[in-house]
Amino acid sequence: MMAPLLLLLMLAAPPTPATPPPAHAAPPSKAQPGAGAKPVPAHVTADVIRYNWSTRKVTMVGKPFVTLTREDMVLTCRRLLGDNDAAGQLARATCEGDVKLVRGARIVTCEHAQYDRDAARIVCEGNPVLRDGETEARGKRLTYLLAADEVLLEEAVQATVPSEQIEQVSRKPAPGAPAKGPAAPVKGAAAPKATTPPRPSGGGK
């Protein structure tokens, strides 16, 4: 039976007594654009969830997979070890076993991954492989920056690119370089006339 993380988070956050506002409270100041922006939350589903209130650590096991969803990104694995913040929200997590990250047409697989909510980042290690269509890239460490939608591959990077894409790139002329090819004939231009060499002058016929 799938147990939503929402129920866990509600249990993890102890209720706090409401305090009345001061009699002469100042109006709340307007936040500057981009300042104090709340991090994007993640929603997790699993079959078995174990939570420790004193350490705020959570262990989730999937049968077969634990699923972590953040907007259009889906991260699945066999086992997830997480840390909740004071509000009971998942702040960091370690995913282990058949890790797979899917976002659009991009797929990343690895042995274990570190999820950081505040940094909007996932770090994959253990033979990470990035696939985007027919393009494939490998390295020892892969960092996916979720907010910027960028991927950084480090150490011993190997990439496989389809030959069709290489040919398309090689056929493109360099910036500022004149296009090569046979000159096209000018319409209306007359063809050159053949000339006859003059006869030598002499008296004989």
C-alpha atoms as a PDB file:
ATOM      1  CA  MET A   1       0.000   0.000   0.000  1.00  0.00           C
ATOM      2  CA  MET A   2       1.504   3.357  -1.069  1.00  0.00           C
ATOM      3  CA  ALA A   3       1.945   5.763   1.820  1.00  0.00           C
ATOM      4  CA  PRO A   4       2.103   9.428   0.769  1.00  0.00           C
ATOM      5  CA  LEU A   5       4.818  11.548   2.309  1.00  0.00           C
ATOM      6  CA  LEU A   6       2.237  14.217   3.067  1.00  0.00           C
ATOM      7  CA  LEU A   7       0.879  12.155   5.946  1.00  0.00           C
ATOM      8  CA  LEU A   8       4.399  11.638   7.266  1.00  0.00           C
ATOM      9  CA  LEU A   9       5.208  15.321   7.143  1.00  0.00           C
ATOM     10  CA  MET A  10       2.022  16.196   9.001  1.00  0.00           C
ATOM     11  CA  LEU A  11       3.001  13.783  11.751  1.00  0.00           C
ATOM     12  CA  ALA A  12       6.585  15.008  11.763  1.00  0.00           C
ATOM     13  CA  ALA A  13       5.723  18.640  12.475  1.00  0.00           C
ATOM     14  CA  PRO A  14       4.444  18.996  16.073  1.00  0.00           C
ATOM     15  CA  PRO A  15       1.629  21.525  16.515  1.00  0.00           C
ATOM     16  CA  THR A  16       2.644  24.864  18.007  1.00  0.00           C
ATOM     17  CA  PRO A  17       0.274  26.996  20.062  1.00  0.00           C
ATOM     18  CA  ALA A  18      -0.964  30.076  18.277  1.00  0.00           C
ATOM     19  CA  THR A  19       0.249  33.356  19.771  1.00  0.00           C
ATOM     20  CA  PRO A  20      -1.816  36.535  19.370  1.00  0.00           C
ATOM     21  CA  PRO A  21      -0.139  39.383  17.470  1.00  0.00           C
ATOM     22  CA  PRO A  22       1.086  42.412  19.478  1.00  0.00           C
ATOM     23  CA  ALA A  23      -1.352  45.235  19.996  1.00  0.00           C
ATOM     24  CA  HIS A  24       0.601  47.678  17.835  1.00  0.00           C
ATOM     25  CA  ALA A  25       2.163  45.372  15.266  1.00  0.00           C
ATOM     26  CA  ALA A  26       3.806  47.072  12.315  1.00  0.00           C
ATOM     27  CA  PRO A  27       2.552  46.110   8.830  1.00  0.00           C
ATOM     28  CA  PRO A  28       4.663  43.411   7.159  1.00  0.00           C
ATOM     29  CA  SER A  29       7.387  44.752   4.901  1.00  0.00           C
ATOM     30  CA  LYS A  30       7.266  43.875   1.222  1.00  0.00           C
ATOM     31  CA  ALA A  31       9.842  41.331   0.163  1.00  0.00           C
ATOM     32  CA  GLN A  32      12.197  42.284  -2.591  1.00  0.00           C
ATOM     33  CA  PRO A  33      11.779  40.343  -5.881  1.00  0.00           C
ATOM     34  CA  GLY A  34      13.796  37.127  -5.678  1.00  0.00           C
ATOM     35  CA  ALA A  35      14.695  37.673  -2.012  1.00  0.00           C
ATOM     36  CA  GLY A  36      13.603  35.025   0.469  1.00  0.00           C
ATOM     37  CA  ALA A  37      12.033  32.875  -2.254  1.00  0.00           C
ATOM     38  CA  LYS A  38      10.727  29.592  -0.917  1.00  0.00           C
ATOM     39  CA  PRO A  39      12.418  26.465  -2.259  1.00  0.00           C
ATOM     40  CA  VAL A  40      10.378  24.209  -4.489  1.00  0.00           C
ATOM     41  CA  PRO A  41       9.050  21.298  -2.396  1.00  0.00           C
ATOM     42  CA  ALA A  42       9.247  17.653  -3.376  1.00  0.00           C
ATOM     43  CA  HIS A  43       6.581  14.987  -2.997  1.00  0.00           C
ATOM     44  CA  VAL A  44       7.645  11.438  -2.161  1.00  0.00           C
ATOM     45  CA  THR A  45       5.721   8.164  -2.297  1.00  0.00           C
ATOM     46  CA  ALA A  46       6.961   4.857  -0.860  1.00  0.00           C
ATOM     47  CA  ASP A  47       5.687   1.567   0.481  1.00  0.00           C
ATOM     48  CA  VAL A  48       7.501   1.596   3.835  1.00  0.00           C
ATOM     49  CA  ILE A  49       8.323   4.792   5.784  1.00  0.00           C
ATOM     50  CA  ARG A  50      10.231   5.039   9.063  1.00  0.00           C
ATOM     51  CA  TYR A  51      10.605   8.420  10.775  1.00  0.00           C
ATOM     52  CA  ASN A  52      12.603   9.486  13.838  1.00  0.00           C
ATOM     53  CA  TRP A  53      11.195  12.583  15.577  1.00  0.00           C
ATOM     54  CA  SER A  54      14.341  13.358  17.556  1.00  0.00           C
ATOM     55  CA  THR A  55      16.721  13.305  14.581  1.00  0.00           C
ATOM     56  CA  ARG A  56      14.191  14.270  11.846  1.00  0.00           C
ATOM     57  CA  LYS A  57      15.575  11.477   9.701  1.00  0.00           C
ATOM     58  CA  VAL A  58      13.342   9.456   7.444  1.00  0.00           C
ATOM     59  CA  THR A  59      13.925   6.130   5.707  1.00  0.00           C
ATOM     60  CA  MET A  60      11.753   5.091   2.767  1.00  0.00           C
ATOM     61  CA  VAL A  61      11.697   1.823   0.893  1.00  0.00           C
ATOM     62  CA  GLY A  62       9.857   1.129  -2.329  1.00  0.00           C
ATOM     63  CA  LYS A  63       8.341  -2.053  -3.663  1.00  0.00           C
ATOM     64  CA  PRO A  64       9.851  -1.750  -6.078  1.00  0.00           C
ATOM     65  CA  PHE A  65      10.691   1.998  -6.116  1.00  0.00           C
ATOM     66  CA  VAL A  66      10.526   5.175  -4.072  1.00  0.00           C
ATOM     67  CA  THR A  67       9.394   8.136  -6.191  1.00  0.00           C
ATOM     68  CA  LEU A  68      10.463  11.727  -5.540  1.00  0.00           C
ATOM     69  CA  THR A  69       8.715  14.323  -7.703  1.00  0.00           C
ATOM     70  CA  ARG A  70       9.735  17.981  -7.996  1.00  0.00           C
ATOM     71  CA  GLU A  71       7.763  19.916 -10.625  1.00  0.00           C
ATOM     72  CA  ASP A  72       8.586  18.156 -13.937  1.00  0.00           C
ATOM     73  CA  MET A  73      11.468  16.101 -12.511  1.00  0.00           C
ATOM     74  CA  VAL A  74      10.987  12.525 -11.276  1.00  0.00           C
ATOM     75  CA  LEU A  75      13.656  10.703  -9.266  1.00  0.00           C
ATOM     76  CA  THR A  76      13.196   7.002  -8.489  1.00  0.00           C
ATOM     77  CA  CYS A  77      15.313   4.563  -6.461  1.00  0.00           C
ATOM     78  CA  ARG A  78      15.040   1.471  -4.272  1.00  0.00           C
ATOM     79  CA  ARG A  79      15.787   3.210  -0.957  1.00  0.00           C
ATOM     80  CA  LEU A  80      15.759   6.823   0.205  1.00  0.00           C
ATOM     81  CA  LEU A  81      17.378   8.297   3.335  1.00  0.00           C
ATOM     82  CA  GLY A  82      16.223  11.846   4.051  1.00  0.00           C
ATOM     83  CA  ASP A  83      16.534  14.759   6.462  1.00  0.00           C
ATOM     84  CA  ASN A  84      13.512  16.922   7.255  1.00  0.00           C
ATOM     85  CA  ASP A  85      13.646  20.556   8.296  1.00  0.00           C
ATOM     86  CA  ALA A  86      11.935  22.055  11.366  1.00  0.00           C
ATOM     87  CA  ALA A  87       8.698  22.384   9.390  1.00  0.00           C
ATOM     88  CA  GLY A  88       8.679  18.685   8.538  1.00  0.00           C
ATOM     89  CA  GLN A  89       9.596  19.191   4.871  1.00  0.00           C
ATOM     90  CA  LEU A  90      12.161  17.030   3.105  1.00  0.00           C
ATOM     91  CA  ALA A  91      15.336  19.131   2.760  1.00  0.00           C
ATOM     92  CA  ARG A  92      17.982  16.586   1.712  1.00  0.00           C
ATOM     93  CA  ALA A  93      17.926  12.986   0.609  1.00  0.00           C
ATOM     94  CA  THR A  94      20.194  10.184  -0.522  1.00  0.00           C
ATOM     95  CA  CYS A  95      18.808   7.780  -3.113  1.00  0.00           C
ATOM     96  CA  GLU A  96      20.315   4.322  -3.514  1.00  0.00           C
ATOM     97  CA  GLY A  97      19.732   1.401  -5.853  1.00  0.00           C
ATOM     98  CA  ASP A  98      18.730   1.649  -9.544  1.00  0.00           C
ATOM     99  CA  VAL A  99      18.631   5.451  -9.389  1.00  0.00           C
ATOM    100  CA  LYS A 100      16.889   7.073 -12.338  1.00  0.00           C
ATOM    101  CA  LEU A 101      16.222  10.756 -12.973  1.00  0.00           C
ATOM    102  CA  VAL A 102      13.810  11.762 -15.724  1.00  0.00           C
ATOM    103  CA  ARG A 103      13.138  15.296 -16.919  1.00  0.00           C
ATOM    104  CA  GLY A 104      11.609  15.755 -20.337  1.00  0.00           C
ATOM    105  CA  ALA A 105      13.625  13.796 -22.898  1.00  0.00           C
ATOM    106  CA  ARG A 106      16.681  13.639 -20.611  1.00  0.00           C
ATOM    107  CA  ILE A 107      17.344  10.498 -18.549  1.00  0.00           C
ATOM    108  CA  VAL A 108      20.115  10.070 -15.974  1.00  0.00           C
ATOM    109  CA  THR A 109      20.965   6.737 -14.358  1.00  0.00           C
ATOM    110  CA  CYS A 110      23.498   6.052 -11.594  1.00  0.00           C
ATOM    111  CA  GLU A 111      24.098   3.989  -8.451  1.00  0.00           C
ATOM    112  CA  HIS A 112      23.352   6.683  -5.858  1.00  0.00           C
ATOM    113  CA  ALA A 113      22.300  10.339  -5.881  1.00  0.00           C
ATOM    114  CA  GLN A 114      22.231  13.263  -3.427  1.00  0.00           C
ATOM    115  CA  TYR A 115      19.173  15.539  -3.527  1.00  0.00           C
ATOM    116  CA  ASP A 116      19.424  19.063  -2.069  1.00  0.00           C
ATOM    117  CA  ARG A 117      16.167  21.029  -1.992  1.00  0.00           C
ATOM    118  CA  ASP A 118      17.592  24.455  -1.095  1.00  0.00           C
ATOM    119  CA  ALA A 119      20.377  24.247  -3.700  1.00  0.00           C
ATOM    120  CA  ALA A 120      17.952  22.809  -6.309  1.00  0.00           C
ATOM    121  CA  ARG A 121      20.610  20.263  -7.167  1.00  0.00           C
ATOM    122  CA  ILE A 122      21.047  16.530  -7.650  1.00  0.00           C
ATOM    123  CA  VAL A 123      24.523  14.974  -7.641  1.00  0.00           C
ATOM    124  CA  CYS A 124      24.809  11.508  -9.201  1.00  0.00           C
ATOM    125  CA  GLU A 125      27.778   9.204  -8.657  1.00  0.00           C
ATOM    126  CA  GLY A 126      28.517   5.573  -9.415  1.00  0.00           C
ATOM    127  CA  ASN A 127      28.698   5.244 -13.224  1.00  0.00           C
ATOM    128  CA  PRO A 128      26.358   8.154 -14.053  1.00  0.00           C
ATOM    129  CA  VAL A 129      25.014   8.117 -17.618  1.00  0.00           C
ATOM    130  CA  LEU A 130      23.124  10.950 -19.314  1.00  0.00           C
ATOM    131  CA  ARG A 131      20.918  10.135 -22.294  1.00  0.00           C
ATOM    132  CA  ASP A 132      19.196  12.752 -24.421  1.00  0.00           C
ATOM    133  CA  GLY A 133      17.658  11.146 -27.476  1.00  0.00           C
ATOM    134  CA  GLU A 134      20.459   9.251 -29.238  1.00  0.00           C
ATOM    135  CA  THR A 135      23.176  11.264 -27.497  1.00  0.00           C
ATOM    136  CA  GLU A 136      24.854   9.576 -24.534  1.00  0.00           C
ATOM    137  CA  ALA A 137      27.459  10.948 -22.108  1.00  0.00           C
ATOM    138  CA  ARG A 138      29.296   9.283 -19.213  1.00  0.00           C
ATOM    139  CA  GLY A 139      31.537  10.464 -16.409  1.00  0.00           C
ATOM    140  CA  LYS A 140      32.450   9.851 -12.776  1.00  0.00           C
ATOM    141  CA  ARG A 141      30.266  12.605 -11.339  1.00  0.00           C
ATOM    142  CA  LEU A 142      27.137  14.293 -12.716  1.00  0.00           C
ATOM    143  CA  THR A 143      25.534  17.401 -11.238  1.00  0.00           C
ATOM    144  CA  TYR A 144      22.045  18.402 -12.382  1.00  0.00           C
ATOM    145  CA  LEU A 145      21.163  22.036 -11.605  1.00  0.00           C
ATOM    146  CA  LEU A 146      17.381  21.938 -11.582  1.00  0.00           C
ATOM    147  CA  ALA A 147      16.652  25.679 -11.559  1.00  0.00           C
ATOM    148  CA  ALA A 148      18.969  26.375 -14.513  1.00  0.00           C
ATOM    149  CA  ASP A 149      18.205  23.029 -16.226  1.00  0.00           C
ATOM    150  CA  GLU A 150      21.935  22.433 -16.739  1.00  0.00           C
ATOM    151  CA  VAL A 151      24.060  19.300 -16.403  1.00  0.00           C
ATOM    152  CA  LEU A 152      27.735  19.234 -15.395  1.00  0.00           C
ATOM    153  CA  LEU A 153      29.734  16.059 -16.108  1.00  0.00           C
ATOM    154  CA  GLU A 154      33.151  15.698 -14.484  1.00  0.00           C
ATOM    155  CA  GLU A 155      36.177  13.388 -14.771  1.00  0.00           C
ATOM    156  CA  ALA A 156      36.789  10.979 -17.648  1.00  0.00           C
ATOM    157  CA  VAL A 157      33.855  12.265 -19.668  1.00  0.00           C
ATOM    158  CA  GLN A 158      32.933  10.156 -22.695  1.00  0.00           C
ATOM    159  CA  ALA A 159      30.206  11.144 -25.141  1.00  0.00           C
ATOM    160  CA  THR A 160      28.535   9.338 -28.024  1.00  0.00           C
ATOM    161  CA  VAL A 161      26.920  11.577 -30.634  1.00  0.00           C
ATOM    162  CA  PRO A 162      24.969  10.241 -33.662  1.00  0.00           C
ATOM    163  CA  SER A 163      26.865  10.567 -36.952  1.00  0.00           C
ATOM    164  CA  GLU A 164      23.955  12.480 -38.475  1.00  0.00           C
ATOM    165  CA  GLN A 165      24.419  15.287 -35.959  1.00  0.00           C
ATOM    166  CA  ILE A 166      28.183  15.380 -36.566  1.00  0.00           C
ATOM    167  CA  GLU A 167      27.650  15.661 -40.337  1.00  0.00           C
ATOM    168  CA  GLN A 168      25.174  18.494 -39.880  1.00  0.00           C
ATOM    169  CA  VAL A 169      27.651  20.407 -37.741  1.00  0.00           C
ATOM    170  CA  SER A 170      30.578  19.786 -40.128  1.00  0.00           C
ATOM    171  CA  ARG A 171      28.575  21.052 -43.113  1.00  0.00           C
ATOM    172  CA  LYS A 172      27.852  24.396 -41.512  1.00  0.00           C
ATOM    173  CA  PRO A 173      30.275  27.120 -42.780  1.00  0.00           C
ATOM    174  CA  ALA A 174      32.363  28.931 -40.220  1.00  0.00           C
ATOM    175  CA  PRO A 175      31.092  32.396 -39.219  1.00  0.00           C
ATOM    176  CA  GLY A 176      32.271  34.959 -41.805  1.00  0.00           C
ATOM    177  CA  ALA A 177      33.662  32.347 -44.194  1.00  0.00           C
ATOM    178  CA  PRO A 178      32.570  32.637 -47.853  1.00  0.00           C
ATOM    179  CA  ALA A 179      30.420  29.831 -49.161  1.00  0.00           C
ATOM    180  CA  LYS A 180      32.292  27.334 -51.317  1.00  0.00           C
ATOM    181  CA  GLY A 181      31.034  25.874 -54.566  1.00  0.00           C
ATOM    182  CA  PRO A 182      31.136  26.370 -58.360  1.00  0.00           C
ATOM    183  CA  ALA A 183      30.292  29.848 -59.553  1.00  0.00           C
ATOM    184  CA  ALA A 184      26.869  30.053 -61.161  1.00  0.00           C
ATOM    185  CA  PRO A 185      26.771  31.243 -64.805  1.00  0.00           C
ATOM    186  CA  VAL A 186      25.599  34.803 -65.313  1.00  0.00           C
ATOM    187  CA  LYS A 187      22.313  34.928 -67.195  1.00  0.00           C
ATOM    188  CA  GLY A 188      22.520  36.771 -70.512  1.00  0.00           C
ATOM    189  CA  ALA A 189      26.316  36.755 -70.789  1.00  0.00           C
ATOM    190  CA  ALA A 190      27.626  35.988 -74.286  1.00  0.00           C
ATOM    191  CA  ALA A 191      29.900  33.029 -74.789  1.00  0.00           C
ATOM    192  CA  PRO A 192      33.509  33.864 -75.768  1.00  0.00           C
ATOM    193  CA  LYS A 193      34.128  33.800 -79.591  1.00  0.00           C
ATOM    194  CA  ALA A 194      36.778  31.582 -81.137  1.00  0.00           C
ATOM    195  CA  THR A 195      39.556  33.556 -82.840  1.00  0.00           C
ATOM    196  CA  THR A 196      41.333  32.446 -86.045  1.00  0.00           C
ATOM    197  CA  PRO A 197      45.096  33.111 -86.210  1.00  0.00           C
ATOM    198  CA  PRO A 198      46.068  35.454 -89.136  1.00  0.00           C
ATOM    199  CA  ARG A 199      47.645  33.926 -92.299  1.00  0.00           C
ATOM    200  CA  PRO A 200      51.299  34.640 -92.912  1.00  0.00           C
ATOM    201  CA  SER A 201      51.860  37.269 -95.647  1.00  0.00           C
ATOM    202  CA  GLY A 202      53.565  36.020 -98.863  1.00  0.00           C
ATOM    203  CA  GLY A 203      53.538  36.283-102.611  1.00  0.00           C
ATOM    204  CA  GLY A 204      52.597  32.725-103.395  1.00  0.00           C
ATOM    205  CA  LYS A 205      49.004  31.634-103.787  1.00  0.00           C
END
